[in-house]
Every structure is written in C-alpha cells, then in structure tokens.
Amino acid sequence: MQATQRRSDALDQVELIAWLLDNSIPIPGTGRRIGLDGIIGLVPGVGDLLAAGVSVLVVIRAAQFNLPRIVLVRMLANVALDLGIGAIPVLGDAFDLWFKASTRNLELMRRYITTPESSTRGQWLFFAALLLGTLAVVGGFLWLLTALIGCALGL
C-alpha cells in the first residue's frame, strides 16, 4: 500500500512539473497551451538552461523508480532536444509550442511505472533512428565539404 501511495505521489509531482512547464498558460483564441518553458525560454541562454534544469527533475523522479536505463536515457534525450533546439532564437520558441519534453517524459514515466514489463523496443528504435539520422547529417556535411573543397581546388 505504501509503495502504491509513493508512486501516486511521485506521479502527481511530475504531472505538476510537466503541466507548469508545458501547458499551464492558454494562448487566447488558439486552443493551444504553452508553459513556463516557453516563457522563460525567451530569456536568451539562461531561460533555456533553467527550463532544462527543472525538466531534469522529472528524470530524477523517474530514476528513483528504477525505470529501465534506456527509458531514462530517452527522457534525457527529450530534455537535451528541447534545450538544444529551444536555444535557437525564434525557431526554438516555435519548437516549444510543439515539443513538450516534460509531458513526453511524464508519459514515459507513467507507462513504465504502471506496467513495468512494457517493452522498451520503441526506445531502442528511437535511438537507432537518431543514430542513423546523425550519420546521414554528418555524411552529408562531409560530402558537401569534400565537394566544395574539390570545386575550390578545381578537381
């Protein structure tokens, strides 16, 4: 009984953090919501770091429940993606309207706390796709760099 109450309390805390960061402020006339992440993210540099720091609290709470490591890494990747793209002026602010890292992490936490036997295949596929995408971008950059150097040298 106490473990169930502890899980419930942890989920309540994470739900509050996710709601504050991602959905606490309605945008009039749009039916969309943003959170404090989108507002404090407007402060260059510091705002995005502060929001990411609070988002990491969700991951820490998830780690306390021994979620699979790949799930915790996925949660950290969500925070890093939100921080990395969110730090880009204008584009990052638009990205914050769509990508709600804390809400995504809450759903991951909820899934693996309520059904610990859930498959982690989706998390592994995410990282495989991320690795392939990264390799494609790096490969494309190297190809472009080689082509530009070849053109500059007249090869």
C-alpha atoms as a PDB file:
ATOM      1  CA  MET A   1       0.000   0.000   0.000  1.00  0.00           C
ATOM      2  CA  GLN A   2       2.790   2.445   0.859  1.00  0.00           C
ATOM      3  CA  ALA A   3       4.585   1.743  -2.448  1.00  0.00           C
ATOM      4  CA  THR A   4       1.379   2.493  -4.341  1.00  0.00           C
ATOM      5  CA  GLN A   5       0.958   5.781  -2.475  1.00  0.00           C
ATOM      6  CA  ARG A   6       4.603   6.671  -3.155  1.00  0.00           C
ATOM      7  CA  ARG A   7       4.114   6.021  -6.882  1.00  0.00           C
ATOM      8  CA  SER A   8       0.960   8.098  -6.886  1.00  0.00           C
ATOM      9  CA  ASP A   9       2.657  10.985  -5.066  1.00  0.00           C
ATOM     10  CA  ALA A  10       5.628  10.892  -7.463  1.00  0.00           C
ATOM     11  CA  LEU A  11       3.342  10.906 -10.494  1.00  0.00           C
ATOM     12  CA  ASP A  12       1.372  13.807  -9.013  1.00  0.00           C
ATOM     13  CA  GLN A  13       4.608  15.786  -8.559  1.00  0.00           C
ATOM     14  CA  VAL A  14       5.775  15.027 -12.090  1.00  0.00           C
ATOM     15  CA  GLU A  15       2.339  15.888 -13.515  1.00  0.00           C
ATOM     16  CA  LEU A  16       2.523  19.279 -11.785  1.00  0.00           C
ATOM     17  CA  ILE A  17       6.028  19.971 -13.120  1.00  0.00           C
ATOM     18  CA  ALA A  18       5.032  18.891 -16.643  1.00  0.00           C
ATOM     19  CA  TRP A  19       1.863  20.989 -16.540  1.00  0.00           C
ATOM     20  CA  LEU A  20       3.726  24.078 -15.296  1.00  0.00           C
ATOM     21  CA  LEU A  21       6.491  23.734 -17.882  1.00  0.00           C
ATOM     22  CA  ASP A  22       4.397  22.687 -20.881  1.00  0.00           C
ATOM     23  CA  ASN A  23       0.687  23.516 -20.584  1.00  0.00           C
ATOM     24  CA  SER A  24      -0.115  25.984 -17.807  1.00  0.00           C
ATOM     25  CA  ILE A  25      -0.767  29.058 -19.986  1.00  0.00           C
ATOM     26  CA  PRO A  26      -3.569  29.084 -22.572  1.00  0.00           C
ATOM     27  CA  ILE A  27      -2.971  31.028 -25.776  1.00  0.00           C
ATOM     28  CA  PRO A  28      -6.189  33.012 -26.335  1.00  0.00           C
ATOM     29  CA  GLY A  29      -8.153  32.126 -29.448  1.00  0.00           C
ATOM     30  CA  THR A  30      -5.949  29.195 -30.469  1.00  0.00           C
ATOM     31  CA  GLY A  31      -6.944  26.300 -28.247  1.00  0.00           C
ATOM     32  CA  ARG A  32      -3.202  25.728 -27.678  1.00  0.00           C
ATOM     33  CA  ARG A  33      -1.306  25.985 -24.457  1.00  0.00           C
ATOM     34  CA  ILE A  34       2.271  26.782 -23.549  1.00  0.00           C
ATOM     35  CA  GLY A  35       4.007  26.601 -20.233  1.00  0.00           C
ATOM     36  CA  LEU A  36       6.701  28.353 -18.323  1.00  0.00           C
ATOM     37  CA  ASP A  37       9.287  26.609 -20.521  1.00  0.00           C
ATOM     38  CA  GLY A  38       8.103  28.688 -23.469  1.00  0.00           C
ATOM     39  CA  ILE A  39       8.073  31.899 -21.444  1.00  0.00           C
ATOM     40  CA  ILE A  40      11.394  31.593 -19.620  1.00  0.00           C
ATOM     41  CA  GLY A  41      12.918  30.234 -22.819  1.00  0.00           C
ATOM     42  CA  LEU A  42      12.537  33.740 -24.254  1.00  0.00           C
ATOM     43  CA  VAL A  43      15.389  34.862 -21.994  1.00  0.00           C
ATOM     44  CA  PRO A  44      18.448  34.087 -24.128  1.00  0.00           C
ATOM     45  CA  GLY A  45      20.687  31.345 -22.797  1.00  0.00           C
ATOM     46  CA  VAL A  46      19.692  31.368 -19.148  1.00  0.00           C
ATOM     47  CA  GLY A  47      15.989  30.704 -19.720  1.00  0.00           C
ATOM     48  CA  ASP A  48      16.526  27.508 -21.688  1.00  0.00           C
ATOM     49  CA  LEU A  49      19.085  26.226 -19.177  1.00  0.00           C
ATOM     50  CA  LEU A  50      16.737  26.941 -16.286  1.00  0.00           C
ATOM     51  CA  ALA A  51      13.839  25.159 -18.007  1.00  0.00           C
ATOM     52  CA  ALA A  52      16.082  22.169 -18.796  1.00  0.00           C
ATOM     53  CA  GLY A  53      17.208  22.057 -15.169  1.00  0.00           C
ATOM     54  CA  VAL A  54      13.613  21.822 -13.979  1.00  0.00           C
ATOM     55  CA  SER A  55      12.873  19.221 -16.682  1.00  0.00           C
ATOM     56  CA  VAL A  56      15.680  17.071 -15.319  1.00  0.00           C
ATOM     57  CA  LEU A  57      13.711  16.841 -12.049  1.00  0.00           C
ATOM     58  CA  VAL A  58      11.205  14.677 -13.931  1.00  0.00           C
ATOM     59  CA  VAL A  59      14.019  12.337 -14.987  1.00  0.00           C
ATOM     60  CA  ILE A  60      15.374  12.210 -11.428  1.00  0.00           C
ATOM     61  CA  ARG A  61      11.943  11.223 -10.105  1.00  0.00           C
ATOM     62  CA  ALA A  62      11.712   8.532 -12.795  1.00  0.00           C
ATOM     63  CA  ALA A  63      15.152   7.193 -11.863  1.00  0.00           C
ATOM     64  CA  GLN A  64      14.002   6.780  -8.271  1.00  0.00           C
ATOM     65  CA  PHE A  65      11.541   4.169  -9.532  1.00  0.00           C
ATOM     66  CA  ASN A  66      14.196   2.114 -11.314  1.00  0.00           C
ATOM     67  CA  LEU A  67      12.799   2.649 -14.776  1.00  0.00           C
ATOM     68  CA  PRO A  68      14.803   0.875 -17.485  1.00  0.00           C
ATOM     69  CA  ARG A  69      18.023   2.735 -18.270  1.00  0.00           C
ATOM     70  CA  ILE A  70      17.096   3.107 -21.936  1.00  0.00           C
ATOM     71  CA  VAL A  71      13.894   4.889 -20.863  1.00  0.00           C
ATOM     72  CA  LEU A  72      15.868   7.268 -18.624  1.00  0.00           C
ATOM     73  CA  VAL A  73      18.285   7.941 -21.481  1.00  0.00           C
ATOM     74  CA  ARG A  74      15.308   8.625 -23.770  1.00  0.00           C
ATOM     75  CA  MET A  75      13.947  11.070 -21.201  1.00  0.00           C
ATOM     76  CA  LEU A  76      17.314  12.834 -21.040  1.00  0.00           C
ATOM     77  CA  ALA A  77      17.379  12.931 -24.852  1.00  0.00           C
ATOM     78  CA  ASN A  78      13.967  14.648 -24.797  1.00  0.00           C
ATOM     79  CA  VAL A  79      15.335  17.282 -22.396  1.00  0.00           C
ATOM     80  CA  ALA A  80      18.504  17.721 -24.472  1.00  0.00           C
ATOM     81  CA  LEU A  81      16.486  18.086 -27.678  1.00  0.00           C
ATOM     82  CA  ASP A  82      14.232  20.653 -26.034  1.00  0.00           C
ATOM     83  CA  LEU A  83      17.292  22.539 -24.754  1.00  0.00           C
ATOM     84  CA  GLY A  84      19.252  22.328 -28.000  1.00  0.00           C
ATOM     85  CA  ILE A  85      16.526  23.389 -30.386  1.00  0.00           C
ATOM     86  CA  GLY A  86      14.833  25.638 -27.826  1.00  0.00           C
ATOM     87  CA  ALA A  87      18.008  27.721 -27.611  1.00  0.00           C
ATOM     88  CA  ILE A  88      17.721  28.734 -31.279  1.00  0.00           C
ATOM     89  CA  PRO A  89      16.102  32.189 -31.425  1.00  0.00           C
ATOM     90  CA  VAL A  90      12.547  32.244 -32.847  1.00  0.00           C
ATOM     91  CA  LEU A  91      12.720  28.666 -34.219  1.00  0.00           C
ATOM     92  CA  GLY A  92      13.265  27.345 -30.702  1.00  0.00           C
ATOM     93  CA  ASP A  93      10.286  29.259 -29.372  1.00  0.00           C
ATOM     94  CA  ALA A  94       8.090  27.799 -32.102  1.00  0.00           C
ATOM     95  CA  PHE A  95       9.509  24.351 -31.359  1.00  0.00           C
ATOM     96  CA  ASP A  96       8.489  24.735 -27.696  1.00  0.00           C
ATOM     97  CA  LEU A  97       4.855  25.030 -28.802  1.00  0.00           C
ATOM     98  CA  TRP A  98       5.038  21.554 -30.317  1.00  0.00           C
ATOM     99  CA  PHE A  99       7.686  19.572 -28.425  1.00  0.00           C
ATOM    100  CA  LYS A 100       6.781  19.343 -24.768  1.00  0.00           C
ATOM    101  CA  ALA A 101       9.647  17.375 -23.226  1.00  0.00           C
ATOM    102  CA  SER A 102       8.282  17.194 -19.681  1.00  0.00           C
ATOM    103  CA  THR A 103       4.877  15.970 -20.862  1.00  0.00           C
ATOM    104  CA  ARG A 104       6.566  13.343 -23.046  1.00  0.00           C
ATOM    105  CA  ASN A 105       8.706  12.290 -20.108  1.00  0.00           C
ATOM    106  CA  LEU A 106       5.667  12.117 -17.835  1.00  0.00           C
ATOM    107  CA  GLU A 107       4.014   9.724 -20.289  1.00  0.00           C
ATOM    108  CA  LEU A 108       7.148   7.559 -20.409  1.00  0.00           C
ATOM    109  CA  MET A 109       7.321   7.521 -16.622  1.00  0.00           C
ATOM    110  CA  ARG A 110       3.625   6.709 -16.298  1.00  0.00           C
ATOM    111  CA  ARG A 111       3.902   3.845 -18.795  1.00  0.00           C
ATOM    112  CA  TYR A 112       6.875   2.177 -17.143  1.00  0.00           C
ATOM    113  CA  ILE A 113       5.662   2.679 -13.568  1.00  0.00           C
ATOM    114  CA  THR A 114       2.176   1.331 -14.208  1.00  0.00           C
ATOM    115  CA  THR A 115       3.323  -1.546 -16.441  1.00  0.00           C
ATOM    116  CA  PRO A 116       6.985  -2.260 -15.651  1.00  0.00           C
ATOM    117  CA  GLU A 117       7.010  -5.174 -18.089  1.00  0.00           C
ATOM    118  CA  SER A 118       6.340  -2.814 -21.016  1.00  0.00           C
ATOM    119  CA  SER A 119       8.615  -3.335 -23.984  1.00  0.00           C
ATOM    120  CA  THR A 120      11.492  -0.913 -24.444  1.00  0.00           C
ATOM    121  CA  ARG A 121      11.669  -1.671 -28.166  1.00  0.00           C
ATOM    122  CA  GLY A 122      10.302   1.772 -29.068  1.00  0.00           C
ATOM    123  CA  GLN A 123      13.046   3.473 -27.074  1.00  0.00           C
ATOM    124  CA  TRP A 124      15.736   1.411 -28.819  1.00  0.00           C
ATOM    125  CA  LEU A 125      14.171   2.204 -32.204  1.00  0.00           C
ATOM    126  CA  PHE A 126      14.239   5.910 -31.331  1.00  0.00           C
ATOM    127  CA  PHE A 127      17.968   5.756 -30.680  1.00  0.00           C
ATOM    128  CA  ALA A 128      18.593   3.688 -33.808  1.00  0.00           C
ATOM    129  CA  ALA A 129      16.734   6.320 -35.865  1.00  0.00           C
ATOM    130  CA  LEU A 130      18.613   9.098 -34.063  1.00  0.00           C
ATOM    131  CA  LEU A 131      21.935   7.398 -34.820  1.00  0.00           C
ATOM    132  CA  LEU A 132      21.029   6.887 -38.491  1.00  0.00           C
ATOM    133  CA  GLY A 133      19.841  10.484 -38.795  1.00  0.00           C
ATOM    134  CA  THR A 134      23.033  11.776 -37.192  1.00  0.00           C
ATOM    135  CA  LEU A 135      25.162   9.634 -39.502  1.00  0.00           C
ATOM    136  CA  ALA A 136      23.200  10.903 -42.512  1.00  0.00           C
ATOM    137  CA  VAL A 137      23.679  14.543 -41.481  1.00  0.00           C
ATOM    138  CA  VAL A 138      27.392  14.065 -40.770  1.00  0.00           C
ATOM    139  CA  GLY A 139      27.821  12.105 -44.014  1.00  0.00           C
ATOM    140  CA  GLY A 140      26.005  14.806 -45.975  1.00  0.00           C
ATOM    141  CA  PHE A 141      28.124  17.504 -44.368  1.00  0.00           C
ATOM    142  CA  LEU A 142      31.345  15.627 -45.175  1.00  0.00           C
ATOM    143  CA  TRP A 143      30.192  15.059 -48.767  1.00  0.00           C
ATOM    144  CA  LEU A 144      29.348  18.765 -49.132  1.00  0.00           C
ATOM    145  CA  LEU A 145      32.662  19.787 -47.604  1.00  0.00           C
ATOM    146  CA  THR A 146      34.543  17.442 -49.942  1.00  0.00           C
ATOM    147  CA  ALA A 147      32.611  18.765 -52.959  1.00  0.00           C
ATOM    148  CA  LEU A 148      33.305  22.386 -52.000  1.00  0.00           C
ATOM    149  CA  ILE A 149      36.994  21.724 -51.477  1.00  0.00           C
ATOM    150  CA  GLY A 150      37.091  19.886 -54.826  1.00  0.00           C
ATOM    151  CA  CYS A 151      35.440  22.834 -56.574  1.00  0.00           C
ATOM    152  CA  ALA A 152      37.774  25.313 -54.877  1.00  0.00           C
ATOM    153  CA  LEU A 153      40.826  23.321 -55.968  1.00  0.00           C
ATOM    154  CA  GLY A 154      39.421  22.709 -59.432  1.00  0.00           C
ATOM    155  CA  LEU A 155      39.291  18.933 -59.048  1.00  0.00           C
END
